[in-house]
Amino acid sequence: MLEHVPAWLGKALGDVRAGADKLAIARLDLGTAPPLTLSSAAFGDGARLPDRFTADGPGVSPPLVWRDPPEGTAMLALLVEDADAPAPQPLVHAVVWGIPANAGALAEGAIAGDGDATPDRDVGRNSYFREGWLPPDPPTGHGDHRYAFQLFALAQGVGDPGETPGRSAVMEAMAGHVLAAGLLVGTYSRGEAAPIGPAGAVATA
């Protein structure tokens, strides 16, 4: 959708951004929660997302891997948000609830509507009110967008966000039950040169 925004308007909106302080990981009271190690074989932390995971390619979700959730983890949840969306709040690109504590990974393309996904987790609604992965689609000329992959290890007794939950329901259910959290940031832009993938090669978006 946003690929149709003209470049002049994208540049004019360059300073209009939701902000990293509004990401879920910043809004939850995590106290002394330890970090989870979250990574991807497809891109490095802070590096550009390859086109295949965006609206400029097939638009599948990227592979993710993590290790060592703390003892007492009942399940995990994933939220992916665009901190630089030209909106008052980050744009939600994915919600995944009820990931088994021992899963260790999500394969490429795993964040899909529940009819196409593994039944041991619930893929929730993105900002377009659809189940599954919302491919990054920033306006041309708006600059780098930071896509924050946020993984939360949750304790027993965590709330129930309901079926096919959205961000607000997940945030409410997680409050006070986060044992650890991991953050991986991928970037994407249109109309400018940027490093790409884990190797840091340069391509023009």
N, C-alpha and C. Protein backbone atom coordinates (compact mmCIF):
# COMPACT_ATOMS: atom_id res chain seq x y z
N MET A 1 0.81 -1.21 0.00
CA MET A 1 0.00 0.00 0.00
C MET A 1 0.85 1.27 0.00
N LEU A 2 1.78 1.36 0.95
CA LEU A 2 2.55 2.60 1.09
C LEU A 2 3.57 2.79 -0.01
N GLU A 3 3.78 1.77 -0.85
CA GLU A 3 4.68 1.97 -1.98
C GLU A 3 4.10 2.97 -2.97
N HIS A 4 2.80 3.24 -2.88
CA HIS A 4 2.15 4.19 -3.79
C HIS A 4 2.21 5.63 -3.28
N VAL A 5 2.72 5.83 -2.06
CA VAL A 5 2.90 7.19 -1.55
C VAL A 5 4.03 7.85 -2.35
N PRO A 6 3.79 9.03 -2.94
CA PRO A 6 4.85 9.67 -3.74
C PRO A 6 6.06 10.03 -2.89
N ALA A 7 7.23 10.02 -3.53
CA ALA A 7 8.48 10.27 -2.80
C ALA A 7 8.48 11.63 -2.11
N TRP A 8 7.88 12.65 -2.75
CA TRP A 8 7.90 13.98 -2.13
C TRP A 8 7.14 13.98 -0.82
N LEU A 9 6.04 13.18 -0.76
CA LEU A 9 5.26 13.12 0.47
C LEU A 9 6.00 12.32 1.54
N GLY A 10 6.68 11.24 1.11
CA GLY A 10 7.47 10.47 2.06
C GLY A 10 8.54 11.32 2.71
N LYS A 11 9.21 12.15 1.91
CA LYS A 11 10.25 13.03 2.46
C LYS A 11 9.65 14.08 3.37
N ALA A 12 8.48 14.59 3.01
CA ALA A 12 7.81 15.60 3.84
C ALA A 12 7.42 15.05 5.20
N LEU A 13 7.16 13.74 5.23
CA LEU A 13 6.76 13.08 6.49
C LEU A 13 7.96 12.50 7.24
N GLY A 14 9.17 12.84 6.80
CA GLY A 14 10.37 12.23 7.37
C GLY A 14 10.49 12.33 8.87
N ASP A 15 10.01 13.42 9.45
CA ASP A 15 10.11 13.60 10.90
C ASP A 15 8.89 13.08 11.65
N VAL A 16 7.90 12.57 10.92
CA VAL A 16 6.70 12.02 11.56
C VAL A 16 6.92 10.53 11.79
N ARG A 17 7.20 10.16 13.01
CA ARG A 17 7.51 8.77 13.35
C ARG A 17 6.93 8.41 14.71
N ALA A 18 6.50 7.17 14.83
CA ALA A 18 5.89 6.73 16.09
C ALA A 18 6.88 6.82 17.25
N GLY A 19 8.11 6.32 17.05
CA GLY A 19 9.13 6.38 18.09
C GLY A 19 9.36 5.06 18.79
N ALA A 20 10.64 4.76 19.06
CA ALA A 20 11.01 3.51 19.72
C ALA A 20 10.48 3.44 21.15
N ASP A 21 10.23 4.58 21.77
CA ASP A 21 9.72 4.59 23.14
C ASP A 21 8.30 4.06 23.23
N LYS A 22 7.64 3.86 22.09
CA LYS A 22 6.27 3.33 22.09
C LYS A 22 6.21 1.86 21.73
N LEU A 23 7.36 1.25 21.48
CA LEU A 23 7.38 -0.20 21.23
C LEU A 23 6.93 -0.96 22.47
N ALA A 24 6.41 -2.15 22.26
CA ALA A 24 5.93 -2.97 23.39
C ALA A 24 7.01 -3.19 24.43
N ILE A 25 8.23 -3.47 23.98
CA ILE A 25 9.31 -3.79 24.91
C ILE A 25 9.68 -2.60 25.78
N ALA A 26 9.38 -1.39 25.30
CA ALA A 26 9.64 -0.18 26.09
C ALA A 26 8.48 0.17 27.01
N ARG A 27 7.28 -0.29 26.66
CA ARG A 27 6.11 0.08 27.43
C ARG A 27 5.82 -0.88 28.59
N LEU A 28 6.31 -2.11 28.48
CA LEU A 28 6.11 -3.08 29.56
C LEU A 28 7.09 -2.80 30.70
N ASP A 29 6.65 -3.00 31.91
CA ASP A 29 7.53 -2.84 33.08
C ASP A 29 8.32 -4.13 33.25
N LEU A 30 9.52 -4.16 32.65
CA LEU A 30 10.30 -5.40 32.65
C LEU A 30 11.20 -5.53 33.87
N GLY A 31 11.35 -4.47 34.66
CA GLY A 31 12.16 -4.56 35.87
C GLY A 31 13.56 -5.06 35.57
N THR A 32 13.93 -6.15 36.21
CA THR A 32 15.26 -6.73 36.01
C THR A 32 15.22 -7.96 35.10
N ALA A 33 14.22 -8.04 34.25
CA ALA A 33 14.10 -9.19 33.35
C ALA A 33 15.37 -9.32 32.50
N PRO A 34 15.97 -10.52 32.45
CA PRO A 34 17.19 -10.70 31.66
C PRO A 34 16.88 -10.71 30.16
N PRO A 35 17.90 -10.50 29.33
CA PRO A 35 17.68 -10.52 27.87
C PRO A 35 17.61 -11.95 27.34
N LEU A 36 16.81 -12.14 26.31
CA LEU A 36 16.82 -13.36 25.51
C LEU A 36 17.69 -13.10 24.28
N THR A 37 18.45 -14.09 23.86
CA THR A 37 19.24 -13.95 22.65
C THR A 37 18.36 -14.31 21.45
N LEU A 38 18.03 -13.31 20.64
CA LEU A 38 17.16 -13.47 19.47
C LEU A 38 17.94 -13.07 18.22
N SER A 39 17.92 -13.92 17.20
CA SER A 39 18.68 -13.62 15.99
C SER A 39 17.98 -14.23 14.78
N SER A 40 18.54 -13.94 13.60
CA SER A 40 18.02 -14.49 12.36
C SER A 40 19.19 -14.81 11.44
N ALA A 41 19.06 -15.91 10.70
CA ALA A 41 20.07 -16.25 9.71
C ALA A 41 19.96 -15.37 8.47
N ALA A 42 18.85 -14.63 8.36
CA ALA A 42 18.60 -13.84 7.15
C ALA A 42 19.12 -12.41 7.23
N PHE A 43 19.28 -11.87 8.43
CA PHE A 43 19.76 -10.49 8.59
C PHE A 43 20.35 -10.32 9.97
N GLY A 44 21.31 -9.42 10.09
CA GLY A 44 21.92 -9.13 11.37
C GLY A 44 21.15 -8.05 12.11
N ASP A 45 21.40 -7.94 13.40
CA ASP A 45 20.75 -6.91 14.21
C ASP A 45 21.15 -5.53 13.69
N GLY A 46 20.17 -4.72 13.35
CA GLY A 46 20.41 -3.39 12.82
C GLY A 46 20.66 -3.36 11.32
N ALA A 47 20.66 -4.52 10.66
CA ALA A 47 20.92 -4.58 9.22
C ALA A 47 19.62 -4.57 8.42
N ARG A 48 19.77 -4.37 7.13
CA ARG A 48 18.62 -4.27 6.24
C ARG A 48 17.97 -5.63 6.01
N LEU A 49 16.64 -5.63 6.01
CA LEU A 49 15.88 -6.84 5.68
C LEU A 49 15.99 -7.13 4.19
N PRO A 50 16.28 -8.35 3.80
CA PRO A 50 16.24 -8.69 2.37
C PRO A 50 14.83 -8.50 1.81
N ASP A 51 14.75 -8.16 0.53
CA ASP A 51 13.47 -7.85 -0.10
C ASP A 51 12.43 -8.97 0.05
N ARG A 52 12.87 -10.21 0.12
CA ARG A 52 11.91 -11.32 0.13
C ARG A 52 10.98 -11.28 1.34
N PHE A 53 11.36 -10.54 2.37
CA PHE A 53 10.51 -10.47 3.57
C PHE A 53 9.64 -9.22 3.57
N THR A 54 9.64 -8.46 2.48
CA THR A 54 8.96 -7.18 2.41
C THR A 54 7.91 -7.18 1.30
N ALA A 55 7.22 -6.04 1.18
CA ALA A 55 6.23 -5.89 0.12
C ALA A 55 6.88 -5.78 -1.25
N ASP A 56 8.18 -5.64 -1.33
CA ASP A 56 8.89 -5.60 -2.60
C ASP A 56 9.34 -6.98 -3.07
N GLY A 57 8.99 -8.00 -2.32
CA GLY A 57 9.32 -9.38 -2.67
C GLY A 57 8.14 -10.28 -2.35
N PRO A 58 8.37 -11.56 -2.13
CA PRO A 58 7.27 -12.48 -1.82
C PRO A 58 6.53 -12.12 -0.52
N GLY A 59 7.21 -11.41 0.39
CA GLY A 59 6.54 -10.96 1.60
C GLY A 59 6.31 -12.04 2.64
N VAL A 60 7.24 -13.00 2.73
CA VAL A 60 7.14 -14.02 3.77
C VAL A 60 7.84 -13.52 5.03
N SER A 61 7.51 -14.11 6.16
CA SER A 61 8.15 -13.71 7.41
C SER A 61 9.56 -14.31 7.50
N PRO A 62 10.50 -13.60 8.12
CA PRO A 62 11.88 -14.11 8.19
C PRO A 62 12.02 -15.20 9.26
N PRO A 63 13.07 -16.02 9.12
CA PRO A 63 13.34 -17.03 10.15
C PRO A 63 13.90 -16.36 11.40
N LEU A 64 13.54 -16.91 12.56
CA LEU A 64 14.03 -16.39 13.84
C LEU A 64 14.49 -17.57 14.69
N VAL A 65 15.50 -17.33 15.50
CA VAL A 65 16.00 -18.36 16.40
C VAL A 65 16.38 -17.72 17.73
N TRP A 66 16.17 -18.46 18.80
CA TRP A 66 16.54 -17.97 20.13
C TRP A 66 16.96 -19.15 20.98
N ARG A 67 17.54 -18.83 22.13
CA ARG A 67 17.99 -19.91 23.00
C ARG A 67 17.83 -19.52 24.47
N ASP A 68 17.77 -20.54 25.30
CA ASP A 68 17.84 -20.42 26.76
C ASP A 68 16.79 -19.52 27.38
N PRO A 69 15.49 -19.75 27.10
CA PRO A 69 14.50 -19.03 27.90
C PRO A 69 14.66 -19.43 29.36
N PRO A 70 14.40 -18.54 30.30
CA PRO A 70 14.67 -18.85 31.71
C PRO A 70 13.79 -19.96 32.26
N GLU A 71 14.27 -20.56 33.32
CA GLU A 71 13.50 -21.60 34.00
C GLU A 71 12.16 -21.01 34.43
N GLY A 72 11.10 -21.79 34.27
CA GLY A 72 9.77 -21.32 34.62
C GLY A 72 9.00 -20.72 33.46
N THR A 73 9.64 -20.67 32.26
CA THR A 73 8.94 -20.15 31.10
C THR A 73 7.82 -21.11 30.69
N ALA A 74 6.60 -20.59 30.65
CA ALA A 74 5.46 -21.41 30.25
C ALA A 74 5.25 -21.36 28.74
N MET A 75 5.55 -20.22 28.13
CA MET A 75 5.38 -20.05 26.69
C MET A 75 6.05 -18.74 26.30
N LEU A 76 6.06 -18.45 25.01
CA LEU A 76 6.63 -17.21 24.51
C LEU A 76 5.63 -16.49 23.61
N ALA A 77 5.86 -15.20 23.46
CA ALA A 77 5.04 -14.40 22.55
C ALA A 77 5.97 -13.50 21.74
N LEU A 78 5.56 -13.23 20.51
CA LEU A 78 6.34 -12.39 19.61
C LEU A 78 5.48 -11.23 19.11
N LEU A 79 6.05 -10.04 19.18
CA LEU A 79 5.44 -8.86 18.57
C LEU A 79 6.46 -8.23 17.63
N VAL A 80 6.04 -7.89 16.43
CA VAL A 80 6.91 -7.19 15.49
C VAL A 80 6.25 -5.85 15.17
N GLU A 81 7.00 -4.76 15.41
CA GLU A 81 6.44 -3.43 15.23
C GLU A 81 7.41 -2.54 14.46
N ASP A 82 6.85 -1.59 13.71
CA ASP A 82 7.63 -0.59 13.00
C ASP A 82 7.69 0.67 13.85
N ALA A 83 8.87 0.95 14.41
CA ALA A 83 9.03 2.10 15.28
C ALA A 83 8.99 3.42 14.52
N ASP A 84 9.13 3.37 13.21
CA ASP A 84 9.22 4.59 12.41
C ASP A 84 8.02 4.82 11.51
N ALA A 85 6.93 4.12 11.78
CA ALA A 85 5.71 4.36 11.01
C ALA A 85 5.28 5.81 11.16
N PRO A 86 4.81 6.44 10.07
CA PRO A 86 4.36 7.83 10.17
C PRO A 86 2.97 7.90 10.80
N ALA A 87 2.92 7.56 12.07
CA ALA A 87 1.65 7.44 12.79
C ALA A 87 1.91 7.66 14.28
N PRO A 88 0.87 7.90 15.08
CA PRO A 88 1.06 8.11 16.51
C PRO A 88 1.61 6.88 17.25
N GLN A 89 1.32 5.67 16.73
CA GLN A 89 1.76 4.44 17.37
C GLN A 89 2.50 3.57 16.35
N PRO A 90 3.41 2.70 16.82
CA PRO A 90 4.08 1.78 15.89
C PRO A 90 3.07 0.92 15.13
N LEU A 91 3.40 0.63 13.90
CA LEU A 91 2.58 -0.26 13.09
C LEU A 91 2.91 -1.70 13.47
N VAL A 92 1.89 -2.50 13.72
CA VAL A 92 2.09 -3.89 14.14
C VAL A 92 2.17 -4.78 12.89
N HIS A 93 3.30 -5.47 12.75
CA HIS A 93 3.51 -6.34 11.59
C HIS A 93 3.25 -7.81 11.90
N ALA A 94 3.30 -8.18 13.17
CA ALA A 94 3.02 -9.58 13.52
C ALA A 94 2.75 -9.70 15.01
N VAL A 95 1.85 -10.62 15.33
CA VAL A 95 1.57 -11.03 16.70
C VAL A 95 1.53 -12.55 16.70
N VAL A 96 2.34 -13.17 17.53
CA VAL A 96 2.30 -14.62 17.66
C VAL A 96 2.23 -14.94 19.16
N TRP A 97 1.21 -15.65 19.55
CA TRP A 97 0.95 -15.95 20.96
C TRP A 97 1.06 -17.46 21.20
N GLY A 98 1.51 -17.83 22.39
CA GLY A 98 1.50 -19.24 22.78
C GLY A 98 2.56 -20.08 22.12
N ILE A 99 3.71 -19.51 21.80
CA ILE A 99 4.82 -20.29 21.24
C ILE A 99 5.35 -21.22 22.34
N PRO A 100 5.48 -22.52 22.09
CA PRO A 100 5.96 -23.43 23.13
C PRO A 100 7.32 -23.02 23.68
N ALA A 101 7.50 -23.22 24.97
CA ALA A 101 8.72 -22.78 25.65
C ALA A 101 9.97 -23.42 25.06
N ASN A 102 9.83 -24.61 24.50
CA ASN A 102 11.00 -25.32 23.96
C ASN A 102 11.12 -25.20 22.45
N ALA A 103 10.38 -24.30 21.82
CA ALA A 103 10.36 -24.22 20.35
C ALA A 103 11.73 -23.83 19.79
N GLY A 104 12.34 -22.80 20.32
CA GLY A 104 13.68 -22.41 19.90
C GLY A 104 13.78 -21.66 18.59
N ALA A 105 12.72 -21.66 17.78
CA ALA A 105 12.82 -21.02 16.47
C ALA A 105 11.44 -20.88 15.84
N LEU A 106 11.36 -19.96 14.89
CA LEU A 106 10.25 -19.88 13.93
C LEU A 106 10.87 -19.92 12.55
N ALA A 107 10.41 -20.83 11.72
CA ALA A 107 10.96 -21.00 10.38
C ALA A 107 10.51 -19.86 9.47
N GLU A 108 11.23 -19.68 8.37
CA GLU A 108 10.81 -18.71 7.37
C GLU A 108 9.38 -19.01 6.92
N GLY A 109 8.56 -17.98 6.87
CA GLY A 109 7.17 -18.14 6.44
C GLY A 109 6.23 -18.67 7.51
N ALA A 110 6.72 -18.87 8.74
CA ALA A 110 5.90 -19.48 9.78
C ALA A 110 4.82 -18.55 10.31
N ILE A 111 5.01 -17.23 10.16
CA ILE A 111 4.00 -16.30 10.66
C ILE A 111 2.97 -16.12 9.56
N ALA A 112 1.98 -16.99 9.57
CA ALA A 112 0.94 -17.01 8.56
C ALA A 112 -0.40 -17.18 9.26
N GLY A 113 -1.48 -16.98 8.54
CA GLY A 113 -2.80 -17.19 9.13
C GLY A 113 -2.91 -18.55 9.77
N ASP A 114 -3.69 -18.66 10.82
CA ASP A 114 -3.75 -19.91 11.59
C ASP A 114 -4.13 -21.13 10.75
N GLY A 115 -4.88 -20.90 9.68
CA GLY A 115 -5.23 -22.02 8.83
C GLY A 115 -4.02 -22.63 8.12
N ASP A 116 -2.93 -21.83 8.01
CA ASP A 116 -1.73 -22.30 7.31
C ASP A 116 -0.56 -22.52 8.25
N ALA A 117 -0.77 -22.32 9.54
CA ALA A 117 0.34 -22.36 10.50
C ALA A 117 0.25 -23.58 11.39
N THR A 118 1.32 -23.80 12.14
CA THR A 118 1.35 -24.89 13.10
C THR A 118 0.33 -24.64 14.20
N PRO A 119 -0.48 -25.63 14.59
CA PRO A 119 -1.56 -25.39 15.55
C PRO A 119 -1.10 -25.19 17.00
N ASP A 120 0.23 -25.24 17.26
CA ASP A 120 0.67 -25.09 18.65
C ASP A 120 0.88 -23.63 19.04
N ARG A 121 0.46 -22.70 18.20
CA ARG A 121 0.55 -21.28 18.53
C ARG A 121 -0.59 -20.56 17.84
N ASP A 122 -0.87 -19.33 18.29
CA ASP A 122 -1.97 -18.55 17.74
C ASP A 122 -1.39 -17.31 17.07
N VAL A 123 -1.52 -17.21 15.77
CA VAL A 123 -1.06 -16.03 15.04
C VAL A 123 -2.17 -14.99 15.11
N GLY A 124 -1.81 -13.83 15.71
CA GLY A 124 -2.81 -12.79 15.93
C GLY A 124 -2.93 -11.82 14.78
N ARG A 125 -3.58 -10.67 15.08
CA ARG A 125 -3.91 -9.68 14.06
C ARG A 125 -2.85 -8.58 14.00
N ASN A 126 -2.45 -8.23 12.79
CA ASN A 126 -1.55 -7.10 12.60
C ASN A 126 -2.37 -5.80 12.51
N SER A 127 -1.72 -4.70 12.20
CA SER A 127 -2.41 -3.41 12.17
C SER A 127 -3.45 -3.30 11.07
N TYR A 128 -3.41 -4.21 10.10
CA TYR A 128 -4.42 -4.22 9.05
C TYR A 128 -5.55 -5.19 9.39
N PHE A 129 -5.58 -5.64 10.66
CA PHE A 129 -6.63 -6.53 11.18
C PHE A 129 -6.68 -7.86 10.45
N ARG A 130 -5.51 -8.29 9.99
CA ARG A 130 -5.40 -9.59 9.34
C ARG A 130 -4.47 -10.48 10.13
N GLU A 131 -4.73 -11.78 10.09
CA GLU A 131 -3.82 -12.73 10.70
C GLU A 131 -2.55 -12.83 9.84
N GLY A 132 -1.42 -13.01 10.53
CA GLY A 132 -0.20 -13.29 9.79
C GLY A 132 0.75 -12.12 9.71
N TRP A 133 1.73 -12.27 8.84
CA TRP A 133 2.84 -11.33 8.67
C TRP A 133 2.42 -10.20 7.74
N LEU A 134 2.59 -8.97 8.19
CA LEU A 134 2.36 -7.79 7.36
C LEU A 134 3.72 -7.36 6.81
N PRO A 135 4.01 -7.57 5.52
CA PRO A 135 5.33 -7.27 4.99
C PRO A 135 5.67 -5.78 5.11
N PRO A 136 6.88 -5.44 5.52
CA PRO A 136 7.30 -4.05 5.56
C PRO A 136 7.08 -3.34 4.22
N ASP A 137 6.55 -2.11 4.31
CA ASP A 137 6.08 -1.40 3.13
C ASP A 137 6.21 0.11 3.36
N PRO A 138 7.42 0.60 3.69
CA PRO A 138 7.56 2.01 4.07
C PRO A 138 7.39 2.96 2.88
N PRO A 139 6.97 4.19 3.13
CA PRO A 139 6.85 5.15 2.04
C PRO A 139 8.22 5.48 1.43
N THR A 140 8.26 5.61 0.12
CA THR A 140 9.49 6.02 -0.56
C THR A 140 9.93 7.39 -0.05
N GLY A 141 11.23 7.50 0.27
CA GLY A 141 11.77 8.77 0.72
C GLY A 141 11.62 9.06 2.19
N HIS A 142 10.99 8.15 2.93
CA HIS A 142 10.77 8.39 4.36
C HIS A 142 11.99 8.02 5.20
N GLY A 143 12.99 7.41 4.59
CA GLY A 143 14.18 7.01 5.33
C GLY A 143 14.05 5.62 5.91
N ASP A 144 15.05 5.25 6.71
CA ASP A 144 15.06 3.92 7.32
C ASP A 144 13.90 3.74 8.29
N HIS A 145 13.29 2.58 8.21
CA HIS A 145 12.31 2.17 9.21
C HIS A 145 12.92 1.03 10.01
N ARG A 146 12.74 1.07 11.33
CA ARG A 146 13.24 0.02 12.22
C ARG A 146 12.11 -0.93 12.57
N TYR A 147 12.29 -2.20 12.18
CA TYR A 147 11.30 -3.23 12.46
C TYR A 147 11.79 -4.04 13.66
N ALA A 148 11.09 -3.88 14.77
CA ALA A 148 11.52 -4.46 16.05
C ALA A 148 10.85 -5.79 16.27
N PHE A 149 11.64 -6.86 16.23
CA PHE A 149 11.17 -8.21 16.55
C PHE A 149 11.38 -8.39 18.06
N GLN A 150 10.29 -8.48 18.80
CA GLN A 150 10.34 -8.51 20.26
C GLN A 150 9.78 -9.84 20.76
N LEU A 151 10.61 -10.60 21.44
CA LEU A 151 10.23 -11.93 21.93
C LEU A 151 10.18 -11.90 23.45
N PHE A 152 9.10 -12.41 24.02
CA PHE A 152 8.88 -12.37 25.46
C PHE A 152 8.70 -13.78 26.00
N ALA A 153 9.49 -14.13 27.03
CA ALA A 153 9.31 -15.38 27.76
C ALA A 153 8.34 -15.10 28.90
N LEU A 154 7.28 -15.89 28.98
CA LEU A 154 6.19 -15.61 29.91
C LEU A 154 6.03 -16.69 30.96
N ALA A 155 5.72 -16.27 32.17
CA ALA A 155 5.60 -17.18 33.31
C ALA A 155 4.23 -17.85 33.34
N GLN A 156 4.14 -18.89 34.15
CA GLN A 156 2.85 -19.52 34.43
C GLN A 156 1.87 -18.48 34.95
N GLY A 157 0.60 -18.66 34.63
CA GLY A 157 -0.40 -17.73 35.12
C GLY A 157 -0.61 -16.52 34.24
N VAL A 158 0.08 -16.48 33.10
CA VAL A 158 -0.09 -15.36 32.17
C VAL A 158 -1.55 -15.30 31.71
N GLY A 159 -2.03 -14.11 31.44
CA GLY A 159 -3.43 -13.93 31.06
C GLY A 159 -3.76 -14.54 29.70
N ASP A 160 -5.05 -14.52 29.39
CA ASP A 160 -5.55 -15.04 28.12
C ASP A 160 -5.97 -13.87 27.23
N PRO A 161 -5.27 -13.64 26.12
CA PRO A 161 -5.64 -12.52 25.26
C PRO A 161 -6.79 -12.81 24.31
N GLY A 162 -7.32 -14.04 24.36
CA GLY A 162 -8.39 -14.42 23.46
C GLY A 162 -7.87 -14.97 22.15
N GLU A 163 -8.80 -15.39 21.32
CA GLU A 163 -8.43 -16.00 20.03
C GLU A 163 -8.05 -14.92 19.03
N THR A 164 -7.01 -15.18 18.26
CA THR A 164 -6.50 -14.25 17.24
C THR A 164 -6.33 -12.85 17.84
N PRO A 165 -5.47 -12.73 18.85
CA PRO A 165 -5.37 -11.46 19.57
C PRO A 165 -4.64 -10.37 18.80
N GLY A 166 -4.93 -9.14 19.15
CA GLY A 166 -4.18 -8.00 18.65
C GLY A 166 -3.18 -7.54 19.69
N ARG A 167 -2.46 -6.48 19.39
CA ARG A 167 -1.40 -5.99 20.26
C ARG A 167 -1.91 -5.62 21.65
N SER A 168 -3.01 -4.89 21.75
CA SER A 168 -3.50 -4.42 23.05
C SER A 168 -3.84 -5.58 23.97
N ALA A 169 -4.52 -6.60 23.43
CA ALA A 169 -4.88 -7.76 24.24
C ALA A 169 -3.65 -8.51 24.71
N VAL A 170 -2.66 -8.63 23.84
CA VAL A 170 -1.42 -9.33 24.19
C VAL A 170 -0.65 -8.56 25.27
N MET A 171 -0.56 -7.25 25.10
CA MET A 171 0.12 -6.42 26.10
C MET A 171 -0.53 -6.55 27.47
N GLU A 172 -1.84 -6.53 27.49
CA GLU A 172 -2.57 -6.66 28.76
C GLU A 172 -2.33 -8.02 29.39
N ALA A 173 -2.35 -9.08 28.58
CA ALA A 173 -2.16 -10.43 29.10
C ALA A 173 -0.74 -10.63 29.62
N MET A 174 0.26 -10.02 28.98
CA MET A 174 1.65 -10.21 29.37
C MET A 174 2.06 -9.42 30.61
N ALA A 175 1.36 -8.35 30.90
CA ALA A 175 1.77 -7.43 31.97
C ALA A 175 1.99 -8.17 33.28
N GLY A 176 3.20 -8.01 33.84
CA GLY A 176 3.54 -8.63 35.10
C GLY A 176 3.98 -10.07 35.01
N HIS A 177 4.08 -10.61 33.79
CA HIS A 177 4.43 -12.03 33.63
C HIS A 177 5.64 -12.25 32.73
N VAL A 178 6.36 -11.18 32.39
CA VAL A 178 7.51 -11.31 31.49
C VAL A 178 8.75 -11.71 32.30
N LEU A 179 9.31 -12.88 31.97
CA LEU A 179 10.52 -13.36 32.64
C LEU A 179 11.79 -12.90 31.94
N ALA A 180 11.73 -12.73 30.63
CA ALA A 180 12.88 -12.31 29.83
C ALA A 180 12.36 -11.77 28.51
N ALA A 181 13.19 -10.96 27.85
CA ALA A 181 12.76 -10.38 26.58
C ALA A 181 13.96 -10.26 25.64
N GLY A 182 13.70 -10.50 24.37
CA GLY A 182 14.74 -10.37 23.35
C GLY A 182 14.31 -9.37 22.29
N LEU A 183 15.29 -8.68 21.70
CA LEU A 183 15.02 -7.67 20.68
C LEU A 183 15.98 -7.85 19.51
N LEU A 184 15.42 -7.90 18.33
CA LEU A 184 16.20 -7.95 17.09
C LEU A 184 15.60 -6.91 16.15
N VAL A 185 16.43 -6.03 15.61
CA VAL A 185 15.94 -4.95 14.75
C VAL A 185 16.44 -5.14 13.32
N GLY A 186 15.50 -5.17 12.39
CA GLY A 186 15.82 -5.13 10.98
C GLY A 186 15.35 -3.82 10.40
N THR A 187 16.05 -3.29 9.42
CA THR A 187 15.67 -2.01 8.83
C THR A 187 15.24 -2.20 7.38
N TYR A 188 14.48 -1.23 6.89
CA TYR A 188 14.10 -1.24 5.48
C TYR A 188 13.73 0.17 5.06
N SER A 189 14.02 0.51 3.82
CA SER A 189 13.69 1.82 3.28
C SER A 189 13.51 1.69 1.78
N ARG A 190 12.98 2.75 1.19
CA ARG A 190 12.86 2.82 -0.27
C ARG A 190 13.49 4.13 -0.74
N GLY A 191 14.24 4.04 -1.83
CA GLY A 191 14.75 5.23 -2.46
C GLY A 191 16.09 5.72 -1.97
N GLU A 192 16.86 4.85 -1.28
CA GLU A 192 18.18 5.26 -0.81
C GLU A 192 19.06 4.04 -0.63
N ALA A 193 20.38 4.23 -0.66
CA ALA A 193 21.32 3.13 -0.46
C ALA A 193 21.32 2.72 0.99
N ALA A 194 21.46 1.41 1.23
CA ALA A 194 21.44 0.91 2.60
C ALA A 194 22.18 -0.42 2.66
N PRO A 195 22.81 -0.75 3.81
CA PRO A 195 23.43 -2.07 3.97
C PRO A 195 22.36 -3.14 3.96
N ILE A 196 22.70 -4.31 3.43
CA ILE A 196 21.70 -5.36 3.32
C ILE A 196 22.21 -6.65 3.94
N GLY A 197 21.32 -7.32 4.71
CA GLY A 197 21.61 -8.63 5.24
C GLY A 197 22.75 -8.69 6.22
N PRO A 198 23.13 -9.90 6.64
CA PRO A 198 24.16 -10.04 7.65
C PRO A 198 25.55 -9.63 7.21
N ALA A 199 25.80 -9.64 5.89
CA ALA A 199 27.15 -9.34 5.41
C ALA A 199 27.40 -7.85 5.24
N GLY A 200 26.31 -7.05 5.24
CA GLY A 200 26.46 -5.61 5.13
C GLY A 200 26.74 -5.10 3.73
N ALA A 201 26.43 -5.89 2.69
CA ALA A 201 26.58 -5.42 1.32
C ALA A 201 25.61 -4.26 1.09
N VAL A 202 25.89 -3.41 0.11
CA VAL A 202 25.08 -2.22 -0.10
C VAL A 202 24.24 -2.39 -1.36
N ALA A 203 22.96 -2.03 -1.23
CA ALA A 203 22.05 -2.04 -2.37
C ALA A 203 21.24 -0.76 -2.35
N THR A 204 20.72 -0.35 -3.50
CA THR A 204 19.87 0.81 -3.55
C THR A 204 18.43 0.38 -3.52
N ALA A 205 17.69 0.88 -2.51
CA ALA A 205 16.29 0.48 -2.36
C ALA A 205 15.41 1.21 -3.36
